[in-house]
Protein backbone atom coordinates (compact mmCIF):
# COMPACT_ATOMS: atom_id res chain seq x y z
CA UNK A 1 99.53 107.72 99.41
CA UNK A 2 100.15 111.59 99.47
CA UNK A 3 102.72 113.97 98.09
CA UNK A 4 103.69 117.30 99.55
CA UNK A 5 104.72 120.05 97.07
CA UNK A 6 106.80 122.94 98.37
CA UNK A 7 107.47 126.13 96.52
CA UNK A 8 105.67 129.06 94.87
CA UNK A 9 102.11 130.05 94.21
CA UNK A 10 101.37 133.32 92.41
CA UNK A 11 99.44 135.10 89.82
CA UNK A 12 100.72 134.89 86.25
CA UNK A 13 99.92 138.11 84.42
CA UNK A 14 100.28 137.49 80.64
CA UNK A 15 100.67 140.43 78.26
CA UNK A 16 100.70 140.11 74.52
CA UNK A 17 99.18 141.49 71.36
CA UNK A 18 95.92 140.03 72.41
CA UNK A 19 95.84 142.13 75.72
CA UNK A 20 96.27 141.22 79.32
CA UNK A 21 95.12 138.01 80.90
CA UNK A 22 95.70 136.57 84.40
CA UNK A 23 96.14 132.95 85.53
CA UNK A 24 96.57 131.26 88.83
CA UNK A 25 100.09 129.76 88.56
CA UNK A 26 103.54 129.25 89.92
CA UNK A 27 105.72 126.20 89.30
CA UNK A 28 104.96 124.45 92.53
CA UNK A 29 101.26 125.17 92.19
CA UNK A 30 101.29 123.86 88.74
CA UNK A 31 102.88 120.59 89.85
CA UNK A 32 100.47 120.17 92.92
CA UNK A 33 97.41 120.50 90.60
CA UNK A 34 98.99 118.33 87.95
CA UNK A 35 99.55 115.67 90.51
CA UNK A 36 95.87 115.74 91.49
CA UNK A 37 94.84 115.44 87.99
CA UNK A 38 96.89 112.36 87.65
CA UNK A 39 95.09 110.81 90.68
CA UNK A 40 97.65 111.64 93.52
CA UNK A 41 96.37 113.36 96.71
CA UNK A 42 98.43 116.45 97.35
CA UNK A 43 99.18 119.15 100.00
CA UNK A 44 100.88 122.44 98.84
CA UNK A 45 102.98 124.37 101.14
CA UNK A 46 103.57 127.90 99.75
CA UNK A 47 103.32 131.51 100.62
CA UNK A 48 99.99 133.03 99.86
CA UNK A 49 98.99 136.70 100.72
CA UNK A 50 95.77 137.61 102.62
CA UNK A 51 94.58 139.74 99.57
CA UNK A 52 92.31 139.42 96.61
CA UNK A 53 94.89 137.55 94.50
CA UNK A 54 95.44 135.14 97.48
CA UNK A 55 91.79 134.52 97.50
CA UNK A 56 91.91 133.50 93.93
CA UNK A 57 94.86 131.11 94.61
CA UNK A 58 93.03 129.60 97.46
CA UNK A 59 89.86 129.13 95.42
CA UNK A 60 91.66 127.53 92.55
CA UNK A 61 93.48 125.01 94.78
CA UNK A 62 90.15 124.13 96.47
CA UNK A 63 88.51 123.58 93.04
CA UNK A 64 91.09 120.92 92.23
CA UNK A 65 91.19 119.27 95.69
CA UNK A 66 94.63 120.47 96.74
CA UNK A 67 95.15 121.05 100.52
CA UNK A 68 97.03 124.22 101.33
CA UNK A 69 99.24 125.00 104.16
CA UNK A 70 99.80 128.73 103.52
CA UNK A 71 102.66 130.70 104.81
CA UNK A 72 101.81 134.42 105.42
CA UNK A 73 102.73 136.83 102.72
CA UNK A 74 103.65 140.15 104.49
CA UNK A 75 103.89 141.85 101.19
CA UNK A 76 100.81 140.29 99.65
CA UNK A 77 100.65 137.51 96.99
CA UNK A 78 103.39 136.93 94.57
CA UNK A 79 102.88 138.13 90.93
CA UNK A 80 104.83 137.27 87.68
CA UNK A 81 104.24 139.65 84.83
CA UNK A 82 105.15 138.04 81.39
CA UNK A 83 105.46 140.16 78.29
CA UNK A 84 105.46 138.22 75.09
CA UNK A 85 106.20 140.09 71.85
CA UNK A 86 107.24 137.29 69.41
CA UNK A 87 110.51 136.18 71.18
CA UNK A 88 111.26 134.60 74.49
CA UNK A 89 108.91 135.94 77.32
CA UNK A 90 110.34 138.55 79.55
CA UNK A 91 109.31 138.13 83.30
CA UNK A 92 109.15 140.76 85.91
CA UNK A 93 108.32 139.67 89.54
CA UNK A 94 106.80 141.88 92.22
CA UNK A 95 108.31 142.55 95.59
CA UNK A 96 106.47 139.72 97.31
CA UNK A 97 107.82 137.14 94.80
CA UNK A 98 111.24 138.44 95.30
CA UNK A 99 111.09 138.10 99.11
CA UNK A 100 109.02 134.96 99.29
CA UNK A 101 109.54 132.69 102.24
CA UNK A 102 107.94 129.45 103.51
CA UNK A 103 107.29 128.98 107.24
CA UNK A 104 107.80 125.43 108.34
CA UNK A 105 105.75 125.01 111.60
CA UNK A 106 104.46 121.80 113.20
CA UNK A 107 101.76 121.24 110.60
CA UNK A 108 104.18 121.79 107.64
CA UNK A 109 106.94 119.36 109.14
CA UNK A 110 104.22 116.77 110.05
CA UNK A 111 102.88 116.81 106.40
CA UNK A 112 106.36 116.58 105.04
CA UNK A 113 107.43 113.67 107.20
CA UNK A 114 104.17 111.78 106.74
CA UNK A 115 104.20 112.11 102.91
CA UNK A 116 105.39 109.37 100.44
CA UNK A 117 107.26 112.02 98.45
CA UNK A 118 108.08 115.69 98.81
CA UNK A 119 108.49 117.76 95.54
CA UNK A 120 110.27 120.99 95.62
CA UNK A 121 110.06 123.54 92.75
CA UNK A 122 110.91 127.19 92.56
CA UNK A 123 112.07 127.46 96.15
CA UNK A 124 114.35 130.26 97.43
CA UNK A 125 117.37 128.01 97.40
CA UNK A 126 119.75 130.95 97.72
CA UNK A 127 118.46 131.54 101.29
CA UNK A 128 120.49 129.23 103.57
CA UNK A 129 117.95 129.61 106.42
CA UNK A 130 115.16 128.53 104.17
CA UNK A 131 117.14 125.54 102.79
CA UNK A 132 118.01 124.33 106.36
CA UNK A 133 114.34 124.71 107.44
CA UNK A 134 113.26 122.77 104.32
CA UNK A 135 115.91 119.97 105.00
CA UNK A 136 114.79 119.73 108.56
CA UNK A 137 111.19 119.39 107.63
CA UNK A 138 111.69 116.69 105.01
CA UNK A 139 113.84 114.58 107.32
CA UNK A 140 114.00 111.24 105.62
CA UNK A 141 111.12 111.48 103.34
CA UNK A 142 112.06 110.84 99.65
CA UNK A 143 112.66 114.08 97.73
CA UNK A 144 112.15 115.23 94.28
CA UNK A 145 113.62 118.81 93.30
CA UNK A 146 113.35 121.07 90.32
CA UNK A 147 115.54 124.11 90.91
CA UNK A 148 113.47 126.08 88.48
CA UNK A 149 115.62 129.24 88.68
CA UNK A 150 114.15 132.58 87.80
CA UNK A 151 116.59 135.50 87.53
CA UNK A 152 114.10 138.02 88.77
CA UNK A 153 113.58 136.02 91.99
CA UNK A 154 117.25 135.22 92.82
CA UNK A 155 119.52 137.33 94.85
CA UNK A 156 122.69 135.21 94.85
CA UNK A 157 123.51 132.68 92.09
CA UNK A 158 126.39 130.89 93.87
CA UNK A 159 124.34 130.53 97.03
CA UNK A 160 121.37 129.07 94.86
CA UNK A 161 123.59 126.44 93.43
CA UNK A 162 124.92 125.51 96.88
CA UNK A 163 121.43 125.19 98.24
CA UNK A 164 120.37 123.14 95.31
CA UNK A 165 123.16 120.81 95.39
CA UNK A 166 122.80 120.35 99.07
CA UNK A 167 119.37 118.96 98.56
CA UNK A 168 120.22 117.11 95.30
CA UNK A 169 122.76 114.95 97.02
CA UNK A 170 120.02 113.13 98.93
CA UNK A 171 117.27 113.33 96.27
CA UNK A 172 115.22 110.52 94.83
CA UNK A 173 114.66 112.58 91.79
CA UNK A 174 116.27 115.78 90.34
CA UNK A 175 114.75 117.53 87.17
CA UNK A 176 116.92 119.93 85.38
CA UNK A 177 116.22 121.83 82.13
CA UNK A 178 118.65 122.97 79.37
CA UNK A 179 117.93 126.72 80.30
CA UNK A 180 118.65 125.86 84.04
CA UNK A 181 121.91 124.23 83.30
CA UNK A 182 123.05 127.32 81.20
CA UNK A 183 121.96 129.78 83.80
CA UNK A 184 123.24 128.07 86.89
CA UNK A 185 126.34 126.23 85.58
CA UNK A 186 127.09 127.80 82.25
CA UNK A 187 127.60 124.18 80.99
CA UNK A 188 125.75 121.87 78.71
CA UNK A 189 122.86 119.92 80.17
CA UNK A 190 124.54 116.57 79.61
CA UNK A 191 127.58 117.66 81.78
CA UNK A 192 125.23 119.01 84.57
CA UNK A 193 123.13 115.84 84.56
CA UNK A 194 126.37 113.77 85.13
CA UNK A 195 127.43 116.11 87.99
CA UNK A 196 124.13 115.76 89.69
CA UNK A 197 124.30 111.82 89.37
CA UNK A 198 127.83 112.02 90.92
CA UNK A 199 126.61 114.02 93.66
CA UNK A 200 124.07 111.37 94.71
CA UNK A 201 120.84 111.90 92.99
CA UNK A 202 119.20 108.66 92.42
CA UNK A 203 117.28 109.81 89.17
CA UNK A 204 118.08 112.58 87.04
CA UNK A 205 115.48 113.83 84.60
CA UNK A 206 116.85 116.20 81.98
CA UNK A 207 114.57 118.22 79.65
CA UNK A 208 115.87 119.54 76.41
CA UNK A 209 112.82 121.52 75.12
CA UNK A 210 111.96 120.71 71.52
CA UNK A 211 114.67 117.89 71.60
CA UNK A 212 112.74 115.88 74.17
CA UNK A 213 113.90 114.55 77.47
CA UNK A 214 116.34 111.94 78.99
CA UNK A 215 116.20 110.02 82.31
CA UNK A 216 119.00 108.36 84.08
CA UNK A 217 117.99 106.12 86.88
CA UNK A 218 121.07 104.33 88.44
CA UNK A 219 122.49 103.39 85.22
CA UNK A 220 119.27 102.90 83.43
CA UNK A 221 119.11 105.57 80.75
CA UNK A 222 116.15 106.15 78.53
CA UNK A 223 115.29 109.00 76.23
CA UNK A 224 111.97 110.28 74.54
CA UNK A 225 111.31 112.77 71.88
CA UNK A 226 108.56 115.32 72.00
CA UNK A 227 105.20 113.52 71.62
CA UNK A 228 103.28 113.94 68.40
CA UNK A 229 99.65 114.67 69.12
CA UNK A 230 96.90 116.22 67.14
CA UNK A 231 96.48 119.99 67.21
CA UNK A 232 98.80 122.93 67.22
CA UNK A 233 101.01 124.00 70.08
CA UNK A 234 99.42 127.00 71.87
CA UNK A 235 101.49 127.54 74.98
CA UNK A 236 104.67 125.80 76.27
CA UNK A 237 104.41 127.63 79.72
CA UNK A 238 103.50 124.34 81.57
CA UNK A 239 105.32 121.79 79.81
CA UNK A 240 108.09 121.35 82.29
CA UNK A 241 105.85 121.35 85.30
CA UNK A 242 103.78 118.70 83.50
CA UNK A 243 106.71 116.42 82.88
CA UNK A 244 107.70 116.65 86.55
CA UNK A 245 104.09 115.98 87.70
CA UNK A 246 103.91 112.91 85.63
CA UNK A 247 107.33 111.36 86.61
CA UNK A 248 106.51 112.27 90.39
CA UNK A 249 103.13 110.49 90.03
CA UNK A 250 104.92 107.51 88.55
CA UNK A 251 107.31 107.28 91.41
CA UNK A 252 104.64 106.98 94.01
CA UNK A 253 102.09 105.07 91.87
CA UNK A 254 104.22 102.62 90.04
CA UNK A 255 107.69 102.55 91.53
CA UNK A 256 109.34 102.07 88.21
CA UNK A 257 112.39 99.78 87.82
CA UNK A 258 114.27 98.70 84.87
CA UNK A 259 114.47 100.16 81.39
CA UNK A 260 110.98 99.27 80.20
CA UNK A 261 109.18 100.77 83.19
CA UNK A 262 111.30 103.81 83.07
CA UNK A 263 110.70 104.25 79.38
CA UNK A 264 107.04 103.94 79.83
CA UNK A 265 107.15 106.57 82.61
CA UNK A 266 109.05 109.02 80.52
CA UNK A 267 106.90 108.65 77.46
CA UNK A 268 103.70 109.00 79.42
CA UNK A 269 105.34 112.28 80.78
CA UNK A 270 106.05 113.52 77.29
CA UNK A 271 102.38 112.74 76.19
CA UNK A 272 101.01 114.71 79.12
CA UNK A 273 103.40 117.64 78.33
CA UNK A 274 102.44 117.61 74.68
CA UNK A 275 98.72 117.76 75.55
CA UNK A 276 99.28 120.47 78.06
CA UNK A 277 100.93 122.63 75.30
CA UNK A 278 97.88 122.40 73.14
CA UNK A 279 96.00 124.61 75.66
CA UNK A 280 96.71 128.12 76.93
CA UNK A 281 97.91 128.23 80.47
CA UNK A 282 99.85 125.84 82.61
CA UNK A 283 97.04 123.49 83.66
CA UNK A 284 98.05 119.89 83.16
CA UNK A 285 96.04 118.12 80.39
CA UNK A 286 95.82 114.52 79.39
CA UNK A 287 96.02 113.50 75.75
CA UNK A 288 92.28 112.69 76.07
CA UNK A 289 91.48 116.28 76.47
CA UNK A 290 92.50 117.11 72.91
CA UNK A 291 89.42 117.43 70.62
CA UNK A 292 87.08 116.92 73.66
CA UNK A 293 84.67 119.17 75.37
CA UNK A 294 86.80 119.67 78.42
CA UNK A 295 85.87 122.99 80.04
CA UNK A 296 88.58 125.68 79.84
CA UNK A 297 89.38 126.31 83.50
CA UNK A 298 92.29 128.74 84.09
CA UNK A 299 91.45 130.06 87.45
CA UNK A 300 88.60 130.77 89.94
């Protein structure tokens, strides 16, 4: 059993009234590490620069047992600067992040086609050449995709939607959030979820932020509220990635069928997301970590 994750790996630079802190992050990297923490072996395919930040990214992945197939970063490693002043965070991405690209050589194609599942998150879907290369590399391997659009990393909204929907038509799982639906489609999430099911996605996972999540699997529809766990919410940055990690793990570990099994998978995902939100950073946490002596580990 092995999952391949394709997408971004970067340095998150967080600026707020407490100062400046740096974390190893990126949506795809968060999902890859989340899967390993849920017991699933993972290979991450992402662009990583040959620089000091790239060294931190590589060390962090090594610490958590994630195999890396790194594409060269001609402009260095990607960085996202997040400024938080009480409202929604404002993100600024460096030039490397804006021009990120993944190289699909023999090793990458072999990894994708030998995997039990390929998970794609925060990929340059507005680049037709990248989408074609990704589709060719995946072949017939089951696919899970989260568009995870970032305005500072997108050059063409219409092309991004076309690339996303091209892959969604043959996806085992599509995750879409309320903010994603508003940004990409300017429509309510319920309408976008129905559109994705009509396109051919087998399972659509819709996340509604504080309102919880819904999952539609070939006519089996389940919903779950935000999980109530002890402790206060510290950081919601990794919640969506934690939900995707947990559902992807359920796909390869349990192959859920029927309302009861899908309901259990979604509620497990919401528990994991709630636990993750009770720590700073996007590292996936299990509910058992709350109140424990688990070491804070944000990067190498």
